[in-house]
């Protein structure tokens, strides 16, 4: 679901972090106004990364809420099927765990 959107974002975030690291590394050797400017640019880039991360987090939360709601509706529409799936899953897990503990 998020695969199409996260790859470009991951690339952007990695690029921004590398740029910020390079700026902060170069700021070590600078003094005065040049150092302040480099540090400020690095901080601005890191702030952009944080904003991107917040946007992704918000999208993930909204998508998960949507999934939870649709799952709840499905369970309400098919209660006996849901019980059967849960019981079957429990039996399968019980058999697997019982077999592995011997």
PDB file of N, CA and C in Angstrom:
ATOM      1  N   UNK A   1       0.826  -1.186   0.000  1.00  0.00           N
ATOM      2  CA  UNK A   1       0.000   0.000   0.000  1.00  0.00           C
ATOM      3  C   UNK A   1       0.873   1.254   0.000  1.00  0.00           C
ATOM      4  N   UNK A   2       1.916   1.297   0.873  1.00  0.00           N
ATOM      5  CA  UNK A   2       2.781   2.458   0.958  1.00  0.00           C
ATOM      6  C   UNK A   2       4.013   2.322   0.089  1.00  0.00           C
ATOM      7  N   UNK A   3       4.231   1.153  -0.512  1.00  0.00           N
ATOM      8  CA  UNK A   3       5.447   0.882  -1.266  1.00  0.00           C
ATOM      9  C   UNK A   3       5.716   1.886  -2.367  1.00  0.00           C
ATOM     10  N   UNK A   4       4.682   2.304  -3.089  1.00  0.00           N
ATOM     11  CA  UNK A   4       4.855   3.242  -4.186  1.00  0.00           C
ATOM     12  C   UNK A   4       5.287   4.618  -3.707  1.00  0.00           C
ATOM     13  N   UNK A   5       4.892   4.982  -2.501  1.00  0.00           N
ATOM     14  CA  UNK A   5       5.170   6.322  -2.010  1.00  0.00           C
ATOM     15  C   UNK A   5       6.428   6.374  -1.149  1.00  0.00           C
ATOM     16  N   UNK A   6       6.803   5.284  -0.521  1.00  0.00           N
ATOM     17  CA  UNK A   6       7.908   5.340   0.423  1.00  0.00           C
ATOM     18  C   UNK A   6       9.270   5.283  -0.247  1.00  0.00           C
ATOM     19  N   UNK A   7       9.395   4.661  -1.419  1.00  0.00           N
ATOM     20  CA  UNK A   7      10.702   4.580  -2.064  1.00  0.00           C
ATOM     21  C   UNK A   7      11.247   5.952  -2.431  1.00  0.00           C
ATOM     22  N   UNK A   8      10.470   6.812  -3.106  1.00  0.00           N
ATOM     23  CA  UNK A   8      10.996   8.155  -3.381  1.00  0.00           C
ATOM     24  C   UNK A   8      11.242   8.946  -2.104  1.00  0.00           C
ATOM     25  N   UNK A   9      10.388   8.761  -1.113  1.00  0.00           N
ATOM     26  CA  UNK A   9      10.552   9.475   0.145  1.00  0.00           C
ATOM     27  C   UNK A   9      11.824   9.025   0.846  1.00  0.00           C
ATOM     28  N   UNK A  10      12.078   7.715   0.861  1.00  0.00           N
ATOM     29  CA  UNK A  10      13.298   7.206   1.482  1.00  0.00           C
ATOM     30  C   UNK A  10      14.524   7.783   0.796  1.00  0.00           C
ATOM     31  N   UNK A  11      14.485   7.878  -0.520  1.00  0.00           N
ATOM     32  CA  UNK A  11      15.594   8.453  -1.277  1.00  0.00           C
ATOM     33  C   UNK A  11      15.773   9.922  -0.923  1.00  0.00           C
ATOM     34  N   UNK A  12      14.668  10.663  -0.846  1.00  0.00           N
ATOM     35  CA  UNK A  12      14.735  12.079  -0.487  1.00  0.00           C
ATOM     36  C   UNK A  12      15.283  12.270   0.920  1.00  0.00           C
ATOM     37  N   UNK A  13      14.795  11.466   1.842  1.00  0.00           N
ATOM     38  CA  UNK A  13      15.238  11.586   3.230  1.00  0.00           C
ATOM     39  C   UNK A  13      16.723  11.262   3.326  1.00  0.00           C
ATOM     40  N   UNK A  14      17.150  10.186   2.682  1.00  0.00           N
ATOM     41  CA  UNK A  14      18.562   9.817   2.727  1.00  0.00           C
ATOM     42  C   UNK A  14      19.429  10.921   2.129  1.00  0.00           C
ATOM     43  N   UNK A  15      18.979  11.500   1.042  1.00  0.00           N
ATOM     44  CA  UNK A  15      19.721  12.582   0.404  1.00  0.00           C
ATOM     45  C   UNK A  15      19.807  13.802   1.316  1.00  0.00           C
ATOM     46  N   UNK A  16      18.690  14.163   1.937  1.00  0.00           N
ATOM     47  CA  UNK A  16      18.685  15.311   2.838  1.00  0.00           C
ATOM     48  C   UNK A  16      19.582  15.083   4.048  1.00  0.00           C
ATOM     49  N   UNK A  17      19.553  13.880   4.585  1.00  0.00           N
ATOM     50  CA  UNK A  17      20.391  13.579   5.749  1.00  0.00           C
ATOM     51  C   UNK A  17      21.867  13.629   5.360  1.00  0.00           C
ATOM     52  N   UNK A  18      22.217  13.064   4.197  1.00  0.00           N
ATOM     53  CA  UNK A  18      23.613  13.117   3.750  1.00  0.00           C
ATOM     54  C   UNK A  18      24.066  14.555   3.532  1.00  0.00           C
ATOM     55  N   UNK A  19      23.207  15.375   2.924  1.00  0.00           N
ATOM     56  CA  UNK A  19      23.547  16.787   2.720  1.00  0.00           C
ATOM     57  C   UNK A  19      23.758  17.500   4.053  1.00  0.00           C
ATOM     58  N   UNK A  20      22.874  17.236   4.990  1.00  0.00           N
ATOM     59  CA  UNK A  20      22.990  17.885   6.300  1.00  0.00           C
ATOM     60  C   UNK A  20      24.260  17.431   7.008  1.00  0.00           C
ATOM     61  N   UNK A  21      24.577  16.148   6.915  1.00  0.00           N
ATOM     62  CA  UNK A  21      25.809  15.648   7.526  1.00  0.00           C
ATOM     63  C   UNK A  21      27.031  16.300   6.898  1.00  0.00           C
ATOM     64  N   UNK A  22      27.021  16.430   5.571  1.00  0.00           N
ATOM     65  CA  UNK A  22      28.148  17.061   4.888  1.00  0.00           C
ATOM     66  C   UNK A  22      28.283  18.519   5.308  1.00  0.00           C
ATOM     67  N   UNK A  23      27.166  19.214   5.425  1.00  0.00           N
ATOM     68  CA  UNK A  23      27.217  20.613   5.852  1.00  0.00           C
ATOM     69  C   UNK A  23      27.757  20.738   7.272  1.00  0.00           C
ATOM     70  N   UNK A  24      27.290  19.862   8.139  1.00  0.00           N
ATOM     71  CA  UNK A  24      27.746  19.934   9.523  1.00  0.00           C
ATOM     72  C   UNK A  24      29.220  19.543   9.642  1.00  0.00           C
ATOM     73  N   UNK A  25      29.672  18.583   8.809  1.00  0.00           N
ATOM     74  CA  UNK A  25      31.087  18.226   8.796  1.00  0.00           C
ATOM     75  C   UNK A  25      31.937  19.405   8.330  1.00  0.00           C
ATOM     76  N   UNK A  26      31.485  20.076   7.281  1.00  0.00           N
ATOM     77  CA  UNK A  26      32.247  21.213   6.771  1.00  0.00           C
ATOM     78  C   UNK A  26      32.215  22.385   7.745  1.00  0.00           C
ATOM     79  N   UNK A  27      31.172  22.460   8.548  1.00  0.00           N
ATOM     80  CA  UNK A  27      31.066  23.548   9.520  1.00  0.00           C
ATOM     81  C   UNK A  27      32.113  23.432  10.616  1.00  0.00           C
ATOM     82  N   UNK A  28      32.629  22.240  10.828  1.00  0.00           N
ATOM     83  CA  UNK A  28      33.665  22.052  11.841  1.00  0.00           C
ATOM     84  C   UNK A  28      34.903  22.888  11.534  1.00  0.00           C
ATOM     85  N   UNK A  29      35.238  22.959  10.256  1.00  0.00           N
ATOM     86  CA  UNK A  29      36.464  23.669   9.880  1.00  0.00           C
ATOM     87  C   UNK A  29      36.235  25.164   9.681  1.00  0.00           C
ATOM     88  N   UNK A  30      34.997  25.584   9.653  1.00  0.00           N
ATOM     89  CA  UNK A  30      34.694  26.994   9.434  1.00  0.00           C
ATOM     90  C   UNK A  30      34.573  27.733  10.759  1.00  0.00           C
ATOM     91  N   UNK A  31      34.719  29.029  10.686  1.00  0.00           N
ATOM     92  CA  UNK A  31      34.529  29.845  11.882  1.00  0.00           C
ATOM     93  C   UNK A  31      33.665  31.048  11.525  1.00  0.00           C
ATOM     94  N   UNK A  32      33.126  31.666  12.540  1.00  0.00           N
ATOM     95  CA  UNK A  32      32.377  32.900  12.360  1.00  0.00           C
ATOM     96  C   UNK A  32      31.068  32.713  11.622  1.00  0.00           C
ATOM     97  N   UNK A  33      30.796  33.648  10.706  1.00  0.00           N
ATOM     98  CA  UNK A  33      29.524  33.669   9.989  1.00  0.00           C
ATOM     99  C   UNK A  33      29.361  32.469   9.075  1.00  0.00           C
ATOM    100  N   UNK A  34      30.449  32.020   8.467  1.00  0.00           N
ATOM    101  CA  UNK A  34      30.358  30.870   7.568  1.00  0.00           C
ATOM    102  C   UNK A  34      29.934  29.627   8.336  1.00  0.00           C
ATOM    103  N   UNK A  35      30.458  29.452   9.531  1.00  0.00           N
ATOM    104  CA  UNK A  35      30.080  28.296  10.350  1.00  0.00           C
ATOM    105  C   UNK A  35      28.611  28.390  10.746  1.00  0.00           C
ATOM    106  N   UNK A  36      28.191  29.570  11.161  1.00  0.00           N
ATOM    107  CA  UNK A  36      26.791  29.760  11.550  1.00  0.00           C
ATOM    108  C   UNK A  36      25.859  29.478  10.373  1.00  0.00           C
ATOM    109  N   UNK A  37      26.239  29.940   9.190  1.00  0.00           N
ATOM    110  CA  UNK A  37      25.419  29.727   7.995  1.00  0.00           C
ATOM    111  C   UNK A  37      25.332  28.242   7.653  1.00  0.00           C
ATOM    112  N   UNK A  38      26.461  27.532   7.735  1.00  0.00           N
ATOM    113  CA  UNK A  38      26.466  26.097   7.434  1.00  0.00           C
ATOM    114  C   UNK A  38      25.616  25.324   8.429  1.00  0.00           C
ATOM    115  N   UNK A  39      25.734  25.670   9.695  1.00  0.00           N
ATOM    116  CA  UNK A  39      24.935  25.000  10.727  1.00  0.00           C
ATOM    117  C   UNK A  39      23.453  25.289  10.507  1.00  0.00           C
ATOM    118  N   UNK A  40      23.118  26.517  10.181  1.00  0.00           N
ATOM    119  CA  UNK A  40      21.713  26.866   9.938  1.00  0.00           C
ATOM    120  C   UNK A  40      21.153  26.108   8.744  1.00  0.00           C
ATOM    121  N   UNK A  41      21.943  25.983   7.678  1.00  0.00           N
ATOM    122  CA  UNK A  41      21.489  25.219   6.510  1.00  0.00           C
ATOM    123  C   UNK A  41      21.276  23.754   6.874  1.00  0.00           C
ATOM    124  N   UNK A  42      22.189  23.209   7.659  1.00  0.00           N
ATOM    125  CA  UNK A  42      22.040  21.820   8.104  1.00  0.00           C
ATOM    126  C   UNK A  42      20.790  21.626   8.935  1.00  0.00           C
ATOM    127  N   UNK A  43      20.531  22.553   9.818  1.00  0.00           N
ATOM    128  CA  UNK A  43      19.339  22.458  10.661  1.00  0.00           C
ATOM    129  C   UNK A  43      18.063  22.578   9.831  1.00  0.00           C
ATOM    130  N   UNK A  44      18.083  23.452   8.822  1.00  0.00           N
ATOM    131  CA  UNK A  44      16.912  23.577   7.952  1.00  0.00           C
ATOM    132  C   UNK A  44      16.643  22.271   7.210  1.00  0.00           C
ATOM    133  N   UNK A  45      17.695  21.637   6.734  1.00  0.00           N
ATOM    134  CA  UNK A  45      17.511  20.367   6.020  1.00  0.00           C
ATOM    135  C   UNK A  45      17.015  19.283   6.954  1.00  0.00           C
ATOM    136  N   UNK A  46      17.523  19.241   8.160  1.00  0.00           N
ATOM    137  CA  UNK A  46      17.035  18.251   9.125  1.00  0.00           C
ATOM    138  C   UNK A  46      15.575  18.528   9.497  1.00  0.00           C
ATOM    139  N   UNK A  47      15.201  19.784   9.569  1.00  0.00           N
ATOM    140  CA  UNK A  47      13.795  20.128   9.826  1.00  0.00           C
ATOM    141  C   UNK A  47      12.892  19.624   8.699  1.00  0.00           C
ATOM    142  N   UNK A  48      13.370  19.725   7.453  1.00  0.00           N
ATOM    143  CA  UNK A  48      12.583  19.212   6.323  1.00  0.00           C
ATOM    144  C   UNK A  48      12.419  17.696   6.434  1.00  0.00           C
ATOM    145  N   UNK A  49      13.467  17.005   6.877  1.00  0.00           N
ATOM    146  CA  UNK A  49      13.364  15.553   7.065  1.00  0.00           C
ATOM    147  C   UNK A  49      12.317  15.237   8.117  1.00  0.00           C
ATOM    148  N   UNK A  50      12.319  15.979   9.207  1.00  0.00           N
ATOM    149  CA  UNK A  50      11.322  15.744  10.256  1.00  0.00           C
ATOM    150  C   UNK A  50       9.904  15.991   9.748  1.00  0.00           C
ATOM    151  N   UNK A  51       9.723  17.029   8.951  1.00  0.00           N
ATOM    152  CA  UNK A  51       8.397  17.292   8.391  1.00  0.00           C
ATOM    153  C   UNK A  51       7.956  16.158   7.472  1.00  0.00           C
ATOM    154  N   UNK A  52       8.879  15.647   6.653  1.00  0.00           N
ATOM    155  CA  UNK A  52       8.542  14.520   5.776  1.00  0.00           C
ATOM    156  C   UNK A  52       8.154  13.301   6.604  1.00  0.00           C
ATOM    157  N   UNK A  53       8.899  13.056   7.677  1.00  0.00           N
ATOM    158  CA  UNK A  53       8.598  11.904   8.532  1.00  0.00           C
ATOM    159  C   UNK A  53       7.225  12.056   9.172  1.00  0.00           C
ATOM    160  N   UNK A  54       6.875  13.255   9.588  1.00  0.00           N
ATOM    161  CA  UNK A  54       5.553  13.485  10.182  1.00  0.00           C
ATOM    162  C   UNK A  54       4.447  13.260   9.160  1.00  0.00           C
ATOM    163  N   UNK A  55       4.682  13.692   7.924  1.00  0.00           N
ATOM    164  CA  UNK A  55       3.684  13.479   6.872  1.00  0.00           C
ATOM    165  C   UNK A  55       3.462  11.991   6.625  1.00  0.00           C
ATOM    166  N   UNK A  56       4.562  11.244   6.574  1.00  0.00           N
ATOM    167  CA  UNK A  56       4.443   9.796   6.355  1.00  0.00           C
ATOM    168  C   UNK A  56       3.732   9.146   7.529  1.00  0.00           C
ATOM    169  N   UNK A  57       4.062   9.577   8.733  1.00  0.00           N
ATOM    170  CA  UNK A  57       3.411   9.017   9.904  1.00  0.00           C
ATOM    171  C   UNK A  57       1.912   9.293   9.868  1.00  0.00           C
ATOM    172  N   UNK A  58       1.535  10.512   9.505  1.00  0.00           N
ATOM    173  CA  UNK A  58       0.117  10.854   9.412  1.00  0.00           C
ATOM    174  C   UNK A  58      -0.601  10.006   8.378  1.00  0.00           C
ATOM    175  N   UNK A  59       0.043   9.788   7.230  1.00  0.00           N
ATOM    176  CA  UNK A  59      -0.549   8.949   6.185  1.00  0.00           C
ATOM    177  C   UNK A  59      -0.707   7.509   6.667  1.00  0.00           C
ATOM    178  N   UNK A  60       0.294   7.014   7.374  1.00  0.00           N
ATOM    179  CA  UNK A  60       0.227   5.639   7.878  1.00  0.00           C
ATOM    180  C   UNK A  60      -0.886   5.485   8.909  1.00  0.00           C
ATOM    181  N   UNK A  61      -1.035   6.469   9.765  1.00  0.00           N
ATOM    182  CA  UNK A  61      -2.093   6.413  10.787  1.00  0.00           C
ATOM    183  C   UNK A  61      -3.468   6.424  10.124  1.00  0.00           C
ATOM    184  N   UNK A  62      -3.651   7.296   9.147  1.00  0.00           N
ATOM    185  CA  UNK A  62      -4.937   7.367   8.455  1.00  0.00           C
ATOM    186  C   UNK A  62      -5.241   6.053   7.715  1.00  0.00           C
ATOM    187  N   UNK A  63      -4.239   5.502   7.064  1.00  0.00           N
ATOM    188  CA  UNK A  63      -4.450   4.248   6.342  1.00  0.00           C
ATOM    189  C   UNK A  63      -4.777   3.111   7.305  1.00  0.00           C
ATOM    190  N   UNK A  64      -4.089   3.061   8.443  1.00  0.00           N
ATOM    191  CA  UNK A  64      -4.369   1.987   9.396  1.00  0.00           C
ATOM    192  C   UNK A  64      -5.755   2.145  10.010  1.00  0.00           C
ATOM    193  N   UNK A  65      -6.183   3.382  10.243  1.00  0.00           N
ATOM    194  CA  UNK A  65      -7.547   3.592  10.748  1.00  0.00           C
ATOM    195  C   UNK A  65      -8.570   3.108   9.734  1.00  0.00           C
ATOM    196  N   UNK A  66      -8.315   3.365   8.473  1.00  0.00           N
ATOM    197  CA  UNK A  66      -9.217   2.917   7.417  1.00  0.00           C
ATOM    198  C   UNK A  66      -9.278   1.391   7.371  1.00  0.00           C
ATOM    199  N   UNK A  67      -8.128   0.759   7.507  1.00  0.00           N
ATOM    200  CA  UNK A  67      -8.080  -0.709   7.488  1.00  0.00           C
ATOM    201  C   UNK A  67      -8.826  -1.280   8.679  1.00  0.00           C
ATOM    202  N   UNK A  68      -8.633  -0.685   9.843  1.00  0.00           N
ATOM    203  CA  UNK A  68      -9.324  -1.162  11.053  1.00  0.00           C
ATOM    204  C   UNK A  68     -10.832  -1.024  10.893  1.00  0.00           C
ATOM    205  N   UNK A  69     -11.281   0.097  10.360  1.00  0.00           N
ATOM    206  CA  UNK A  69     -12.722   0.299  10.164  1.00  0.00           C
ATOM    207  C   UNK A  69     -13.296  -0.716   9.185  1.00  0.00           C
ATOM    208  N   UNK A  70     -12.600  -0.945   8.083  1.00  0.00           N
ATOM    209  CA  UNK A  70     -13.119  -1.897   7.096  1.00  0.00           C
ATOM    210  C   UNK A  70     -13.095  -3.320   7.648  1.00  0.00           C
ATOM    211  N   UNK A  71     -12.105  -3.643   8.467  1.00  0.00           N
ATOM    212  CA  UNK A  71     -12.059  -4.966   9.097  1.00  0.00           C
ATOM    213  C   UNK A  71     -13.222  -5.120  10.061  1.00  0.00           C
ATOM    214  N   UNK A  72     -13.482  -4.082  10.842  1.00  0.00           N
ATOM    215  CA  UNK A  72     -14.612  -4.115  11.774  1.00  0.00           C
ATOM    216  C   UNK A  72     -15.932  -4.297  11.058  1.00  0.00           C
ATOM    217  N   UNK A  73     -16.091  -3.613   9.939  1.00  0.00           N
ATOM    218  CA  UNK A  73     -17.319  -3.756   9.155  1.00  0.00           C
ATOM    219  C   UNK A  73     -17.446  -5.170   8.600  1.00  0.00           C
ATOM    220  N   UNK A  74     -16.335  -5.738   8.154  1.00  0.00           N
ATOM    221  CA  UNK A  74     -16.350  -7.102   7.619  1.00  0.00           C
ATOM    222  C   UNK A  74     -16.738  -8.102   8.701  1.00  0.00           C
ATOM    223  N   UNK A  75     -16.211  -7.926   9.905  1.00  0.00           N
ATOM    224  CA  UNK A  75     -16.533  -8.826  11.012  1.00  0.00           C
ATOM    225  C   UNK A  75     -18.006  -8.698  11.390  1.00  0.00           C
ATOM    226  N   UNK A  76     -18.515  -7.467  11.394  1.00  0.00           N
ATOM    227  CA  UNK A  76     -19.925  -7.269  11.719  1.00  0.00           C
ATOM    228  C   UNK A  76     -20.836  -7.870  10.657  1.00  0.00           C
ATOM    229  N   UNK A  77     -20.423  -7.818   9.406  1.00  0.00           N
ATOM    230  CA  UNK A  77     -21.239  -8.355   8.318  1.00  0.00           C
ATOM    231  C   UNK A  77     -21.201  -9.883   8.288  1.00  0.00           C
ATOM    232  N   UNK A  78     -20.087 -10.474   8.716  1.00  0.00           N
ATOM    233  CA  UNK A  78     -19.927 -11.933   8.668  1.00  0.00           C
ATOM    234  C   UNK A  78     -19.418 -12.466  10.012  1.00  0.00           C
ATOM    235  N   UNK A  79     -20.245 -12.415  11.052  1.00  0.00           N
ATOM    236  CA  UNK A  79     -19.741 -12.800  12.379  1.00  0.00           C
ATOM    237  C   UNK A  79     -19.357 -14.276  12.479  1.00  0.00           C
ATOM    238  N   UNK A  80     -20.130 -15.157  11.886  1.00  0.00           N
ATOM    239  CA  UNK A  80     -19.822 -16.586  12.013  1.00  0.00           C
ATOM    240  C   UNK A  80     -18.590 -16.958  11.204  1.00  0.00           C
ATOM    241  N   UNK A  81     -18.428 -16.342  10.069  1.00  0.00           N
ATOM    242  CA  UNK A  81     -17.227 -16.592   9.274  1.00  0.00           C
ATOM    243  C   UNK A  81     -15.993 -16.106  10.036  1.00  0.00           C
ATOM    244  N   UNK A  82     -16.119 -14.957  10.707  1.00  0.00           N
ATOM    245  CA  UNK A  82     -15.008 -14.410  11.486  1.00  0.00           C
ATOM    246  C   UNK A  82     -14.638 -15.336  12.636  1.00  0.00           C
ATOM    247  N   UNK A  83     -15.664 -15.896  13.305  1.00  0.00           N
ATOM    248  CA  UNK A  83     -15.416 -16.838  14.393  1.00  0.00           C
ATOM    249  C   UNK A  83     -14.728 -18.085  13.851  1.00  0.00           C
ATOM    250  N   UNK A  84     -15.168 -18.575  12.708  1.00  0.00           N
ATOM    251  CA  UNK A  84     -14.561 -19.768  12.119  1.00  0.00           C
ATOM    252  C   UNK A  84     -13.104 -19.519  11.726  1.00  0.00           C
ATOM    253  N   UNK A  85     -12.816 -18.371  11.158  1.00  0.00           N
ATOM    254  CA  UNK A  85     -11.434 -18.039  10.781  1.00  0.00           C
ATOM    255  C   UNK A  85     -10.565 -17.929  12.026  1.00  0.00           C
ATOM    256  N   UNK A  86     -11.063 -17.284  13.059  1.00  0.00           N
ATOM    257  CA  UNK A  86     -10.296 -17.149  14.302  1.00  0.00           C
ATOM    258  C   UNK A  86     -10.043 -18.512  14.934  1.00  0.00           C
ATOM    259  N   UNK A  87     -11.066 -19.364  14.961  1.00  0.00           N
ATOM    260  CA  UNK A  87     -10.897 -20.700  15.542  1.00  0.00           C
ATOM    261  C   UNK A  87      -9.909 -21.525  14.718  1.00  0.00           C
ATOM    262  N   UNK A  88     -10.014 -21.472  13.414  1.00  0.00           N
ATOM    263  CA  UNK A  88      -9.081 -22.205  12.555  1.00  0.00           C
ATOM    264  C   UNK A  88      -7.654 -21.727  12.727  1.00  0.00           C
ATOM    265  N   UNK A  89      -7.486 -20.419  12.831  1.00  0.00           N
ATOM    266  CA  UNK A  89      -6.150 -19.863  13.048  1.00  0.00           C
ATOM    267  C   UNK A  89      -5.601 -20.313  14.395  1.00  0.00           C
ATOM    268  N   UNK A  90      -6.436 -20.304  15.411  1.00  0.00           N
ATOM    269  CA  UNK A  90      -6.015 -20.763  16.737  1.00  0.00           C
ATOM    270  C   UNK A  90      -5.614 -22.226  16.735  1.00  0.00           C
ATOM    271  N   UNK A  91      -6.401 -23.067  16.053  1.00  0.00           N
ATOM    272  CA  UNK A  91      -6.054 -24.486  15.970  1.00  0.00           C
ATOM    273  C   UNK A  91      -4.746 -24.695  15.225  1.00  0.00           C
ATOM    274  N   UNK A  92      -4.562 -23.986  14.141  1.00  0.00           N
ATOM    275  CA  UNK A  92      -3.338 -24.109  13.359  1.00  0.00           C
ATOM    276  C   UNK A  92      -2.122 -23.670  14.170  1.00  0.00           C
ATOM    277  N   UNK A  93      -2.217 -22.533  14.839  1.00  0.00           N
ATOM    278  CA  UNK A  93      -1.108 -22.068  15.671  1.00  0.00           C
ATOM    279  C   UNK A  93      -0.844 -23.029  16.830  1.00  0.00           C
ATOM    280  N   UNK A  94      -1.915 -23.541  17.424  1.00  0.00           N
ATOM    281  CA  UNK A  94      -1.755 -24.508  18.507  1.00  0.00           C
ATOM    282  C   UNK A  94      -1.045 -25.761  18.035  1.00  0.00           C
ATOM    283  N   UNK A  95      -1.399 -26.246  16.851  1.00  0.00           N
ATOM    284  CA  UNK A  95      -0.747 -27.426  16.319  1.00  0.00           C
ATOM    285  C   UNK A  95       0.729 -27.167  16.017  1.00  0.00           C
ATOM    286  N   UNK A  96       1.010 -26.004  15.450  1.00  0.00           N
ATOM    287  CA  UNK A  96       2.411 -25.673  15.134  1.00  0.00           C
ATOM    288  C   UNK A  96       3.241 -25.505  16.402  1.00  0.00           C
ATOM    289  N   UNK A  97       2.719 -24.771  17.365  1.00  0.00           N
ATOM    290  CA  UNK A  97       3.449 -24.558  18.613  1.00  0.00           C
ATOM    291  C   UNK A  97       3.565 -25.836  19.426  1.00  0.00           C
ATOM    292  N   UNK A  98       2.519 -26.657  19.416  1.00  0.00           N
ATOM    293  CA  UNK A  98       2.571 -27.939  20.127  1.00  0.00           C
ATOM    294  C   UNK A  98       3.595 -28.883  19.525  1.00  0.00           C
ATOM    295  N   UNK A  99       3.713 -28.864  18.217  1.00  0.00           N
ATOM    296  CA  UNK A  99       4.657 -29.714  17.531  1.00  0.00           C
ATOM    297  C   UNK A  99       6.104 -29.250  17.767  1.00  0.00           C
ATOM    298  N   UNK A 100       6.324 -27.933  17.801  1.00  0.00           N
ATOM    299  CA  UNK A 100       7.685 -27.413  17.955  1.00  0.00           C
ATOM    300  C   UNK A 100       8.191 -27.527  19.366  1.00  0.00           C
ATOM    301  N   UNK A 101       7.314 -27.674  20.370  1.00  0.00           N
ATOM    302  CA  UNK A 101       7.776 -27.763  21.764  1.00  0.00           C
ATOM    303  C   UNK A 101       8.166 -29.186  22.144  1.00  0.00           C
ATOM    304  N   UNK A 102       7.894 -30.155  21.299  1.00  0.00           N
ATOM    305  CA  UNK A 102       8.232 -31.548  21.626  1.00  0.00           C
ATOM    306  C   UNK A 102       9.650 -31.875  21.279  1.00  0.00           C
TER     307      UNK A 102
END
